[in-house]
Amino acid sequence: MPPPYTRHVFVCTNRRPDGSPRGCCATKGGDELRLALKKEVDAQGLKGVRVNGAGCLDACEQGAAVVVYPEGAWYGGVTLGDVKELVEKQVGRGEVVERLKLKLPFERKKD
């Protein structure tokens, strides 16, 4: 049996306490971004795609963070204005959106 999804999109919705040096994706729009990605996937008629909220992706300094599988493409600083392009290119065609791509390994601050 084939897997139920050909692409899986994880959006960090992690919430840290106010004042955390790492920040958090929730305050950088993670929840709204997840909903917008889901709506855009539907609007573009893409099938076999799952968009999920995720706990910490360990990239909150770069947030809002998104990772897309099976490519393993990591994105940071994603905003609502990036949704259409991200869905069209990465989710729809498997093309990395270079301007949003995180440089791995990314720097992390200590909690």
PDB file of N, CA and C in Angstrom:
ATOM      1  N   MET A   1       0.844  -1.177   0.000  1.00  0.00           N
ATOM      2  CA  MET A   1       0.000   0.000   0.000  1.00  0.00           C
ATOM      3  C   MET A   1       0.897   1.250   0.000  1.00  0.00           C
ATOM      4  N   PRO A   2       0.628   2.214  -0.867  1.00  0.00           N
ATOM      5  CA  PRO A   2       1.447   3.431  -0.903  1.00  0.00           C
ATOM      6  C   PRO A   2       1.190   4.296   0.326  1.00  0.00           C
ATOM      7  N   PRO A   3       2.160   5.122   0.686  1.00  0.00           N
ATOM      8  CA  PRO A   3       1.942   6.011   1.832  1.00  0.00           C
ATOM      9  C   PRO A   3       0.804   6.989   1.543  1.00  0.00           C
ATOM     10  N   PRO A   4       0.108   7.423   2.580  1.00  0.00           N
ATOM     11  CA  PRO A   4      -1.055   8.294   2.360  1.00  0.00           C
ATOM     12  C   PRO A   4      -0.689   9.702   1.876  1.00  0.00           C
ATOM     13  N   TYR A   5       0.578  10.128   2.078  1.00  0.00           N
ATOM     14  CA  TYR A   5       0.981  11.481   1.698  1.00  0.00           C
ATOM     15  C   TYR A   5       2.268  11.441   0.894  1.00  0.00           C
ATOM     16  N   THR A   6       2.336  12.290  -0.133  1.00  0.00           N
ATOM     17  CA  THR A   6       3.575  12.417  -0.904  1.00  0.00           C
ATOM     18  C   THR A   6       4.441  13.551  -0.366  1.00  0.00           C
ATOM     19  N   ARG A   7       3.834  14.517   0.291  1.00  0.00           N
ATOM     20  CA  ARG A   7       4.557  15.618   0.923  1.00  0.00           C
ATOM     21  C   ARG A   7       3.975  15.842   2.310  1.00  0.00           C
ATOM     22  N   HIS A   8       4.867  16.126   3.243  1.00  0.00           N
ATOM     23  CA  HIS A   8       4.450  16.409   4.612  1.00  0.00           C
ATOM     24  C   HIS A   8       5.112  17.723   5.023  1.00  0.00           C
ATOM     25  N   VAL A   9       4.305  18.691   5.429  1.00  0.00           N
ATOM     26  CA  VAL A   9       4.779  20.013   5.812  1.00  0.00           C
ATOM     27  C   VAL A   9       4.596  20.174   7.312  1.00  0.00           C
ATOM     28  N   PHE A  10       5.685  20.470   8.010  1.00  0.00           N
ATOM     29  CA  PHE A  10       5.625  20.708   9.448  1.00  0.00           C
ATOM     30  C   PHE A  10       5.910  22.181   9.711  1.00  0.00           C
ATOM     31  N   VAL A  11       5.023  22.824  10.461  1.00  0.00           N
ATOM     32  CA  VAL A  11       5.166  24.234  10.814  1.00  0.00           C
ATOM     33  C   VAL A  11       5.344  24.324  12.318  1.00  0.00           C
ATOM     34  N   CYS A  12       6.452  24.918  12.740  1.00  0.00           N
ATOM     35  CA  CYS A  12       6.678  25.056  14.174  1.00  0.00           C
ATOM     36  C   CYS A  12       5.648  26.000  14.775  1.00  0.00           C
ATOM     37  N   THR A  13       4.982  25.528  15.818  1.00  0.00           N
ATOM     38  CA  THR A  13       4.033  26.345  16.567  1.00  0.00           C
ATOM     39  C   THR A  13       4.433  26.395  18.046  1.00  0.00           C
ATOM     40  N   ASN A  14       5.710  26.114  18.301  1.00  0.00           N
ATOM     41  CA  ASN A  14       6.229  26.088  19.663  1.00  0.00           C
ATOM     42  C   ASN A  14       6.071  27.445  20.338  1.00  0.00           C
ATOM     43  N   ARG A  15       5.737  27.408  21.623  1.00  0.00           N
ATOM     44  CA  ARG A  15       5.577  28.642  22.404  1.00  0.00           C
ATOM     45  C   ARG A  15       6.511  28.576  23.611  1.00  0.00           C
ATOM     46  N   ARG A  16       7.379  29.560  23.710  1.00  0.00           N
ATOM     47  CA  ARG A  16       8.267  29.706  24.866  1.00  0.00           C
ATOM     48  C   ARG A  16       7.764  30.872  25.709  1.00  0.00           C
ATOM     49  N   PRO A  17       8.248  30.943  26.956  1.00  0.00           N
ATOM     50  CA  PRO A  17       7.868  32.073  27.809  1.00  0.00           C
ATOM     51  C   PRO A  17       8.323  33.401  27.194  1.00  0.00           C
ATOM     52  N   ASP A  18       7.561  34.458  27.461  1.00  0.00           N
ATOM     53  CA  ASP A  18       7.947  35.793  27.015  1.00  0.00           C
ATOM     54  C   ASP A  18       9.363  36.092  27.501  1.00  0.00           C
ATOM     55  N   GLY A  19      10.144  36.706  26.650  1.00  0.00           N
ATOM     56  CA  GLY A  19      11.499  37.083  27.021  1.00  0.00           C
ATOM     57  C   GLY A  19      12.545  36.011  26.789  1.00  0.00           C
ATOM     58  N   SER A  20      12.153  34.842  26.299  1.00  0.00           N
ATOM     59  CA  SER A  20      13.135  33.797  26.025  1.00  0.00           C
ATOM     60  C   SER A  20      14.132  34.305  24.985  1.00  0.00           C
ATOM     61  N   PRO A  21      15.427  34.077  25.213  1.00  0.00           N
ATOM     62  CA  PRO A  21      16.419  34.550  24.246  1.00  0.00           C
ATOM     63  C   PRO A  21      16.283  33.886  22.872  1.00  0.00           C
ATOM     64  N   ARG A  22      15.654  32.740  22.813  1.00  0.00           N
ATOM     65  CA  ARG A  22      15.489  32.033  21.537  1.00  0.00           C
ATOM     66  C   ARG A  22      14.234  32.461  20.794  1.00  0.00           C
ATOM     67  N   GLY A  23      13.346  33.157  21.488  1.00  0.00           N
ATOM     68  CA  GLY A  23      12.085  33.505  20.855  1.00  0.00           C
ATOM     69  C   GLY A  23      11.252  32.252  20.645  1.00  0.00           C
ATOM     70  N   CYS A  24      10.161  32.385  19.905  1.00  0.00           N
ATOM     71  CA  CYS A  24       9.367  31.204  19.591  1.00  0.00           C
ATOM     72  C   CYS A  24       8.596  31.432  18.302  1.00  0.00           C
ATOM     73  N   CYS A  25       8.355  30.353  17.602  1.00  0.00           N
ATOM     74  CA  CYS A  25       7.665  30.439  16.319  1.00  0.00           C
ATOM     75  C   CYS A  25       6.196  30.832  16.480  1.00  0.00           C
ATOM     76  N   ALA A  26       5.609  30.525  17.627  1.00  0.00           N
ATOM     77  CA  ALA A  26       4.207  30.897  17.847  1.00  0.00           C
ATOM     78  C   ALA A  26       4.040  32.414  17.766  1.00  0.00           C
ATOM     79  N   THR A  27       4.943  33.164  18.390  1.00  0.00           N
ATOM     80  CA  THR A  27       4.822  34.613  18.349  1.00  0.00           C
ATOM     81  C   THR A  27       5.276  35.195  17.013  1.00  0.00           C
ATOM     82  N   LYS A  28       5.904  34.360  16.180  1.00  0.00           N
ATOM     83  CA  LYS A  28       6.332  34.788  14.841  1.00  0.00           C
ATOM     84  C   LYS A  28       5.333  34.341  13.776  1.00  0.00           C
ATOM     85  N   GLY A  29       4.134  33.929  14.228  1.00  0.00           N
ATOM     86  CA  GLY A  29       3.061  33.621  13.297  1.00  0.00           C
ATOM     87  C   GLY A  29       2.903  32.170  12.921  1.00  0.00           C
ATOM     88  N   GLY A  30       3.472  31.243  13.677  1.00  0.00           N
ATOM     89  CA  GLY A  30       3.418  29.818  13.343  1.00  0.00           C
ATOM     90  C   GLY A  30       2.008  29.265  13.180  1.00  0.00           C
ATOM     91  N   ASP A  31       1.113  29.615  14.094  1.00  0.00           N
ATOM     92  CA  ASP A  31      -0.256  29.092  14.012  1.00  0.00           C
ATOM     93  C   ASP A  31      -0.983  29.600  12.770  1.00  0.00           C
ATOM     94  N   GLU A  32      -0.866  30.901  12.525  1.00  0.00           N
ATOM     95  CA  GLU A  32      -1.513  31.496  11.343  1.00  0.00           C
ATOM     96  C   GLU A  32      -0.897  30.945  10.055  1.00  0.00           C
ATOM     97  N   LEU A  33       0.397  30.736  10.077  1.00  0.00           N
ATOM     98  CA  LEU A  33       1.098  30.198   8.919  1.00  0.00           C
ATOM     99  C   LEU A  33       0.619  28.786   8.588  1.00  0.00           C
ATOM    100  N   ARG A  34       0.456  27.960   9.604  1.00  0.00           N
ATOM    101  CA  ARG A  34      -0.038  26.595   9.381  1.00  0.00           C
ATOM    102  C   ARG A  34      -1.406  26.616   8.718  1.00  0.00           C
ATOM    103  N   LEU A  35      -2.301  27.443   9.233  1.00  0.00           N
ATOM    104  CA  LEU A  35      -3.642  27.528   8.651  1.00  0.00           C
ATOM    105  C   LEU A  35      -3.597  28.045   7.209  1.00  0.00           C
ATOM    106  N   ALA A  36      -2.773  29.056   6.964  1.00  0.00           N
ATOM    107  CA  ALA A  36      -2.660  29.612   5.615  1.00  0.00           C
ATOM    108  C   ALA A  36      -2.085  28.591   4.632  1.00  0.00           C
ATOM    109  N   LEU A  37      -1.112  27.806   5.069  1.00  0.00           N
ATOM    110  CA  LEU A  37      -0.541  26.764   4.203  1.00  0.00           C
ATOM    111  C   LEU A  37      -1.595  25.714   3.857  1.00  0.00           C
ATOM    112  N   LYS A  38      -2.380  25.310   4.846  1.00  0.00           N
ATOM    113  CA  LYS A  38      -3.450  24.339   4.594  1.00  0.00           C
ATOM    114  C   LYS A  38      -4.438  24.874   3.563  1.00  0.00           C
ATOM    115  N   LYS A  39      -4.850  26.123   3.733  1.00  0.00           N
ATOM    116  CA  LYS A  39      -5.809  26.730   2.803  1.00  0.00           C
ATOM    117  C   LYS A  39      -5.227  26.838   1.405  1.00  0.00           C
ATOM    118  N   GLU A  40      -3.955  27.182   1.301  1.00  0.00           N
ATOM    119  CA  GLU A  40      -3.332  27.337  -0.016  1.00  0.00           C
ATOM    120  C   GLU A  40      -3.140  25.981  -0.703  1.00  0.00           C
ATOM    121  N   VAL A  41      -2.814  24.955   0.047  1.00  0.00           N
ATOM    122  CA  VAL A  41      -2.728  23.606  -0.528  1.00  0.00           C
ATOM    123  C   VAL A  41      -4.076  23.228  -1.138  1.00  0.00           C
ATOM    124  N   ASP A  42      -5.147  23.499  -0.417  1.00  0.00           N
ATOM    125  CA  ASP A  42      -6.494  23.221  -0.929  1.00  0.00           C
ATOM    126  C   ASP A  42      -6.810  24.089  -2.141  1.00  0.00           C
ATOM    127  N   ALA A  43      -6.470  25.382  -2.070  1.00  0.00           N
ATOM    128  CA  ALA A  43      -6.761  26.303  -3.163  1.00  0.00           C
ATOM    129  C   ALA A  43      -6.040  25.902  -4.449  1.00  0.00           C
ATOM    130  N   GLN A  44      -4.837  25.351  -4.304  1.00  0.00           N
ATOM    131  CA  GLN A  44      -4.088  24.924  -5.481  1.00  0.00           C
ATOM    132  C   GLN A  44      -4.456  23.501  -5.912  1.00  0.00           C
ATOM    133  N   GLY A  45      -5.375  22.876  -5.178  1.00  0.00           N
ATOM    134  CA  GLY A  45      -5.863  21.553  -5.559  1.00  0.00           C
ATOM    135  C   GLY A  45      -4.843  20.446  -5.415  1.00  0.00           C
ATOM    136  N   LEU A  46      -3.879  20.618  -4.505  1.00  0.00           N
ATOM    137  CA  LEU A  46      -2.838  19.606  -4.326  1.00  0.00           C
ATOM    138  C   LEU A  46      -3.360  18.454  -3.486  1.00  0.00           C
ATOM    139  N   LYS A  47      -3.110  17.270  -3.941  1.00  0.00           N
ATOM    140  CA  LYS A  47      -3.538  16.055  -3.235  1.00  0.00           C
ATOM    141  C   LYS A  47      -2.317  15.364  -2.635  1.00  0.00           C
ATOM    142  N   GLY A  48      -2.541  14.562  -1.610  1.00  0.00           N
ATOM    143  CA  GLY A  48      -1.447  13.810  -0.998  1.00  0.00           C
ATOM    144  C   GLY A  48      -0.509  14.668  -0.178  1.00  0.00           C
ATOM    145  N   VAL A  49      -1.007  15.794   0.326  1.00  0.00           N
ATOM    146  CA  VAL A  49      -0.201  16.718   1.123  1.00  0.00           C
ATOM    147  C   VAL A  49      -0.820  16.845   2.505  1.00  0.00           C
ATOM    148  N   ARG A  50       0.026  16.794   3.513  1.00  0.00           N
ATOM    149  CA  ARG A  50      -0.422  16.964   4.898  1.00  0.00           C
ATOM    150  C   ARG A  50       0.344  18.126   5.507  1.00  0.00           C
ATOM    151  N   VAL A  51      -0.364  19.093   6.075  1.00  0.00           N
ATOM    152  CA  VAL A  51       0.240  20.227   6.767  1.00  0.00           C
ATOM    153  C   VAL A  51      -0.080  20.084   8.248  1.00  0.00           C
ATOM    154  N   ASN A  52       0.968  19.994   9.073  1.00  0.00           N
ATOM    155  CA  ASN A  52       0.798  19.802  10.510  1.00  0.00           C
ATOM    156  C   ASN A  52       1.533  20.867  11.296  1.00  0.00           C
ATOM    157  N   GLY A  53       0.976  21.194  12.462  1.00  0.00           N
ATOM    158  CA  GLY A  53       1.722  21.963  13.439  1.00  0.00           C
ATOM    159  C   GLY A  53       2.727  21.037  14.089  1.00  0.00           C
ATOM    160  N   ALA A  54       3.855  21.579  14.472  1.00  0.00           N
ATOM    161  CA  ALA A  54       4.901  20.781  15.114  1.00  0.00           C
ATOM    162  C   ALA A  54       5.327  21.467  16.399  1.00  0.00           C
ATOM    163  N   GLY A  55       5.810  20.663  17.301  1.00  0.00           N
ATOM    164  CA  GLY A  55       6.475  21.225  18.466  1.00  0.00           C
ATOM    165  C   GLY A  55       7.780  21.847  17.999  1.00  0.00           C
ATOM    166  N   CYS A  56       8.669  22.094  18.898  1.00  0.00           N
ATOM    167  CA  CYS A  56       9.906  22.785  18.582  1.00  0.00           C
ATOM    168  C   CYS A  56      10.708  22.046  17.517  1.00  0.00           C
ATOM    169  N   LEU A  57      11.059  22.782  16.456  1.00  0.00           N
ATOM    170  CA  LEU A  57      11.944  22.260  15.413  1.00  0.00           C
ATOM    171  C   LEU A  57      13.388  22.681  15.678  1.00  0.00           C
ATOM    172  N   ASP A  58      13.618  23.317  16.824  1.00  0.00           N
ATOM    173  CA  ASP A  58      14.944  23.755  17.270  1.00  0.00           C
ATOM    174  C   ASP A  58      15.537  24.816  16.348  1.00  0.00           C
ATOM    175  N   ALA A  59      14.666  25.644  15.771  1.00  0.00           N
ATOM    176  CA  ALA A  59      15.115  26.721  14.884  1.00  0.00           C
ATOM    177  C   ALA A  59      14.340  28.006  15.162  1.00  0.00           C
ATOM    178  N   CYS A  60      13.934  28.199  16.408  1.00  0.00           N
ATOM    179  CA  CYS A  60      13.071  29.338  16.734  1.00  0.00           C
ATOM    180  C   CYS A  60      13.730  30.682  16.456  1.00  0.00           C
ATOM    181  N   GLU A  61      15.059  30.748  16.560  1.00  0.00           N
ATOM    182  CA  GLU A  61      15.738  32.003  16.245  1.00  0.00           C
ATOM    183  C   GLU A  61      15.525  32.378  14.783  1.00  0.00           C
ATOM    184  N   GLN A  62      15.279  31.380  13.958  1.00  0.00           N
ATOM    185  CA  GLN A  62      15.100  31.573  12.524  1.00  0.00           C
ATOM    186  C   GLN A  62      13.619  31.584  12.135  1.00  0.00           C
ATOM    187  N   GLY A  63      12.718  31.529  13.120  1.00  0.00           N
ATOM    188  CA  GLY A  63      11.295  31.307  12.884  1.00  0.00           C
ATOM    189  C   GLY A  63      10.593  32.422  12.138  1.00  0.00           C
ATOM    190  N   ALA A  64       9.435  32.144  11.673  1.00  0.00           N
ATOM    191  CA  ALA A  64       8.696  30.902  11.799  1.00  0.00           C
ATOM    192  C   ALA A  64       9.357  29.840  10.922  1.00  0.00           C
ATOM    193  N   ALA A  65       9.564  28.674  11.509  1.00  0.00           N
ATOM    194  CA  ALA A  65      10.279  27.590  10.849  1.00  0.00           C
ATOM    195  C   ALA A  65       9.304  26.588  10.243  1.00  0.00           C
ATOM    196  N   VAL A  66       9.681  26.103   9.054  1.00  0.00           N
ATOM    197  CA  VAL A  66       8.889  25.122   8.314  1.00  0.00           C
ATOM    198  C   VAL A  66       9.857  24.103   7.736  1.00  0.00           C
ATOM    199  N   VAL A  67       9.464  22.823   7.763  1.00  0.00           N
ATOM    200  CA  VAL A  67      10.252  21.787   7.100  1.00  0.00           C
ATOM    201  C   VAL A  67       9.315  20.955   6.240  1.00  0.00           C
ATOM    202  N   VAL A  68       9.776  20.607   5.037  1.00  0.00           N
ATOM    203  CA  VAL A  68       8.958  19.864   4.082  1.00  0.00           C
ATOM    204  C   VAL A  68       9.668  18.555   3.741  1.00  0.00           C
ATOM    205  N   TYR A  69       8.938  17.462   3.883  1.00  0.00           N
ATOM    206  CA  TYR A  69       9.435  16.133   3.532  1.00  0.00           C
ATOM    207  C   TYR A  69       8.625  15.578   2.379  1.00  0.00           C
ATOM    208  N   PRO A  70       9.212  14.783   1.486  1.00  0.00           N
ATOM    209  CA  PRO A  70      10.417  13.994   1.698  1.00  0.00           C
ATOM    210  C   PRO A  70      11.724  14.711   1.380  1.00  0.00           C
ATOM    211  N   GLU A  71      11.692  15.927   0.862  1.00  0.00           N
ATOM    212  CA  GLU A  71      12.941  16.596   0.483  1.00  0.00           C
ATOM    213  C   GLU A  71      13.801  16.981   1.682  1.00  0.00           C
ATOM    214  N   GLY A  72      13.176  17.153   2.841  1.00  0.00           N
ATOM    215  CA  GLY A  72      13.917  17.613   4.004  1.00  0.00           C
ATOM    216  C   GLY A  72      14.358  19.056   3.835  1.00  0.00           C
ATOM    217  N   ALA A  73      13.519  19.873   3.204  1.00  0.00           N
ATOM    218  CA  ALA A  73      13.828  21.276   2.972  1.00  0.00           C
ATOM    219  C   ALA A  73      13.423  22.091   4.195  1.00  0.00           C
ATOM    220  N   TRP A  74      14.373  22.790   4.791  1.00  0.00           N
ATOM    221  CA  TRP A  74      14.146  23.588   5.986  1.00  0.00           C
ATOM    222  C   TRP A  74      14.062  25.057   5.607  1.00  0.00           C
ATOM    223  N   TYR A  75      13.058  25.744   6.148  1.00  0.00           N
ATOM    224  CA  TYR A  75      12.830  27.152   5.858  1.00  0.00           C
ATOM    225  C   TYR A  75      12.715  27.939   7.145  1.00  0.00           C
ATOM    226  N   GLY A  76      13.147  29.198   7.103  1.00  0.00           N
ATOM    227  CA  GLY A  76      13.049  30.072   8.261  1.00  0.00           C
ATOM    228  C   GLY A  76      12.590  31.454   7.869  1.00  0.00           C
ATOM    229  N   GLY A  77      12.032  32.156   8.829  1.00  0.00           N
ATOM    230  CA  GLY A  77      11.536  33.501   8.586  1.00  0.00           C
ATOM    231  C   GLY A  77      10.358  33.524   7.636  1.00  0.00           C
ATOM    232  N   VAL A  78       9.623  32.418   7.587  1.00  0.00           N
ATOM    233  CA  VAL A  78       8.486  32.304   6.664  1.00  0.00           C
ATOM    234  C   VAL A  78       7.337  33.166   7.189  1.00  0.00           C
ATOM    235  N   THR A  79       6.721  33.913   6.273  1.00  0.00           N
ATOM    236  CA  THR A  79       5.594  34.783   6.628  1.00  0.00           C
ATOM    237  C   THR A  79       4.379  34.419   5.775  1.00  0.00           C
ATOM    238  N   LEU A  80       3.265  35.016   6.101  1.00  0.00           N
ATOM    239  CA  LEU A  80       2.045  34.786   5.318  1.00  0.00           C
ATOM    240  C   LEU A  80       2.248  35.185   3.856  1.00  0.00           C
ATOM    241  N   GLY A  81       3.080  36.174   3.610  1.00  0.00           N
ATOM    242  CA  GLY A  81       3.360  36.605   2.247  1.00  0.00           C
ATOM    243  C   GLY A  81       4.137  35.588   1.425  1.00  0.00           C
ATOM    244  N   ASP A  82       4.731  34.591   2.075  1.00  0.00           N
ATOM    245  CA  ASP A  82       5.515  33.560   1.390  1.00  0.00           C
ATOM    246  C   ASP A  82       4.702  32.308   1.061  1.00  0.00           C
ATOM    247  N   VAL A  83       3.498  32.218   1.572  1.00  0.00           N
ATOM    248  CA  VAL A  83       2.713  30.981   1.508  1.00  0.00           C
ATOM    249  C   VAL A  83       2.458  30.515   0.077  1.00  0.00           C
ATOM    250  N   LYS A  84       1.960  31.390  -0.771  1.00  0.00           N
ATOM    251  CA  LYS A  84       1.614  30.978  -2.134  1.00  0.00           C
ATOM    252  C   LYS A  84       2.823  30.425  -2.869  1.00  0.00           C
ATOM    253  N   GLU A  85       3.952  31.128  -2.789  1.00  0.00           N
ATOM    254  CA  GLU A  85       5.173  30.668  -3.468  1.00  0.00           C
ATOM    255  C   GLU A  85       5.672  29.353  -2.892  1.00  0.00           C
ATOM    256  N   LEU A  86       5.670  29.227  -1.577  1.00  0.00           N
ATOM    257  CA  LEU A  86       6.150  28.007  -0.940  1.00  0.00           C
ATOM    258  C   LEU A  86       5.305  26.802  -1.344  1.00  0.00           C
ATOM    259  N   VAL A  87       3.998  26.984  -1.365  1.00  0.00           N
ATOM    260  CA  VAL A  87       3.116  25.879  -1.752  1.00  0.00           C
ATOM    261  C   VAL A  87       3.284  25.558  -3.235  1.00  0.00           C
ATOM    262  N   GLU A  88       3.293  26.582  -4.070  1.00  0.00           N
ATOM    263  CA  GLU A  88       3.414  26.355  -5.510  1.00  0.00           C
ATOM    264  C   GLU A  88       4.725  25.648  -5.865  1.00  0.00           C
ATOM    265  N   LYS A  89       5.836  26.157  -5.358  1.00  0.00           N
ATOM    266  CA  LYS A  89       7.143  25.622  -5.741  1.00  0.00           C
ATOM    267  C   LYS A  89       7.528  24.376  -4.957  1.00  0.00           C
ATOM    268  N   GLN A  90       7.646  24.485  -3.626  1.00  0.00           N
ATOM    269  CA  GLN A  90       8.148  23.375  -2.828  1.00  0.00           C
ATOM    270  C   GLN A  90       7.130  22.256  -2.683  1.00  0.00           C
ATOM    271  N   VAL A  91       5.936  22.617  -2.280  1.00  0.00           N
ATOM    272  CA  VAL A  91       4.933  21.581  -2.029  1.00  0.00           C
ATOM    273  C   VAL A  91       4.396  21.019  -3.341  1.00  0.00           C
ATOM    274  N   GLY A  92       4.137  21.885  -4.290  1.00  0.00           N
ATOM    275  CA  GLY A  92       3.561  21.442  -5.553  1.00  0.00           C
ATOM    276  C   GLY A  92       4.536  20.775  -6.508  1.00  0.00           C
ATOM    277  N   ARG A  93       5.774  21.320  -6.583  1.00  0.00           N
ATOM    278  CA  ARG A  93       6.726  20.821  -7.577  1.00  0.00           C
ATOM    279  C   ARG A  93       8.015  20.251  -6.995  1.00  0.00           C
ATOM    280  N   GLY A  94       8.196  20.355  -5.687  1.00  0.00           N
ATOM    281  CA  GLY A  94       9.415  19.833  -5.074  1.00  0.00           C
ATOM    282  C   GLY A  94      10.637  20.698  -5.304  1.00  0.00           C
ATOM    283  N   GLU A  95      10.433  21.984  -5.651  1.00  0.00           N
ATOM    284  CA  GLU A  95      11.536  22.916  -5.894  1.00  0.00           C
ATOM    285  C   GLU A  95      11.810  23.731  -4.634  1.00  0.00           C
ATOM    286  N   VAL A  96      13.058  23.766  -4.212  1.00  0.00           N
ATOM    287  CA  VAL A  96      13.432  24.520  -3.022  1.00  0.00           C
ATOM    288  C   VAL A  96      13.302  26.018  -3.298  1.00  0.00           C
ATOM    289  N   VAL A  97      12.733  26.741  -2.345  1.00  0.00           N
ATOM    290  CA  VAL A  97      12.629  28.195  -2.417  1.00  0.00           C
ATOM    291  C   VAL A  97      13.880  28.741  -1.732  1.00  0.00           C
ATOM    292  N   GLU A  98      14.901  29.018  -2.523  1.00  0.00           N
ATOM    293  CA  GLU A  98      16.230  29.361  -2.007  1.00  0.00           C
ATOM    294  C   GLU A  98      16.221  30.547  -1.053  1.00  0.00           C
ATOM    295  N   ARG A  99      15.422  31.562  -1.329  1.00  0.00           N
ATOM    296  CA  ARG A  99      15.465  32.775  -0.499  1.00  0.00           C
ATOM    297  C   ARG A  99      14.967  32.529   0.930  1.00  0.00           C
ATOM    298  N   LEU A 100      14.230  31.446   1.158  1.00  0.00           N
ATOM    299  CA  LEU A 100      13.716  31.130   2.489  1.00  0.00           C
ATOM    300  C   LEU A 100      14.478  29.997   3.165  1.00  0.00           C
ATOM    301  N   LYS A 101      15.341  29.342   2.423  1.00  0.00           N
ATOM    302  CA  LYS A 101      16.026  28.141   2.911  1.00  0.00           C
ATOM    303  C   LYS A 101      16.959  28.473   4.074  1.00  0.00           C
ATOM    304  N   LEU A 102      16.885  27.647   5.114  1.00  0.00           N
ATOM    305  CA  LEU A 102      17.815  27.777   6.234  1.00  0.00           C
ATOM    306  C   LEU A 102      19.147  27.170   5.847  1.00  0.00           C
ATOM    307  N   LYS A 103      20.206  27.820   6.270  1.00  0.00           N
ATOM    308  CA  LYS A 103      21.548  27.273   6.085  1.00  0.00           C
ATOM    309  C   LYS A 103      21.776  26.283   7.226  1.00  0.00           C
ATOM    310  N   LEU A 104      22.014  25.036   6.904  1.00  0.00           N
ATOM    311  CA  LEU A 104      22.220  24.015   7.938  1.00  0.00           C
ATOM    312  C   LEU A 104      23.697  23.703   8.062  1.00  0.00           C
ATOM    313  N   PRO A 105      24.213  23.411   9.246  1.00  0.00           N
ATOM    314  CA  PRO A 105      23.496  23.527  10.519  1.00  0.00           C
ATOM    315  C   PRO A 105      23.358  24.996  10.902  1.00  0.00           C
ATOM    316  N   PHE A 106      22.221  25.355  11.479  1.00  0.00           N
ATOM    317  CA  PHE A 106      21.990  26.742  11.869  1.00  0.00           C
ATOM    318  C   PHE A 106      22.438  26.941  13.307  1.00  0.00           C
ATOM    319  N   GLU A 107      22.769  28.176  13.603  1.00  0.00           N
ATOM    320  CA  GLU A 107      23.223  28.542  14.954  1.00  0.00           C
ATOM    321  C   GLU A 107      22.041  28.533  15.927  1.00  0.00           C
ATOM    322  N   ARG A 108      22.273  28.013  17.109  1.00  0.00           N
ATOM    323  CA  ARG A 108      21.239  28.001  18.131  1.00  0.00           C
ATOM    324  C   ARG A 108      21.779  28.686  19.385  1.00  0.00           C
ATOM    325  N   LYS A 109      20.934  29.478  20.012  1.00  0.00           N
ATOM    326  CA  LYS A 109      21.285  30.074  21.299  1.00  0.00           C
ATOM    327  C   LYS A 109      20.949  29.076  22.395  1.00  0.00           C
ATOM    328  N   LYS A 110      21.637  29.164  23.475  1.00  0.00           N
ATOM    329  CA  LYS A 110      21.331  28.319  24.645  1.00  0.00           C
ATOM    330  C   LYS A 110      20.115  28.890  25.355  1.00  0.00           C
ATOM    331  N   ASP A 111      19.253  27.998  25.849  1.00  0.00           N
ATOM    332  CA  ASP A 111      18.072  28.450  26.631  1.00  0.00           C
ATOM    333  C   ASP A 111      18.524  29.006  27.961  1.00  0.00           C
TER     334      ASP A 111
END
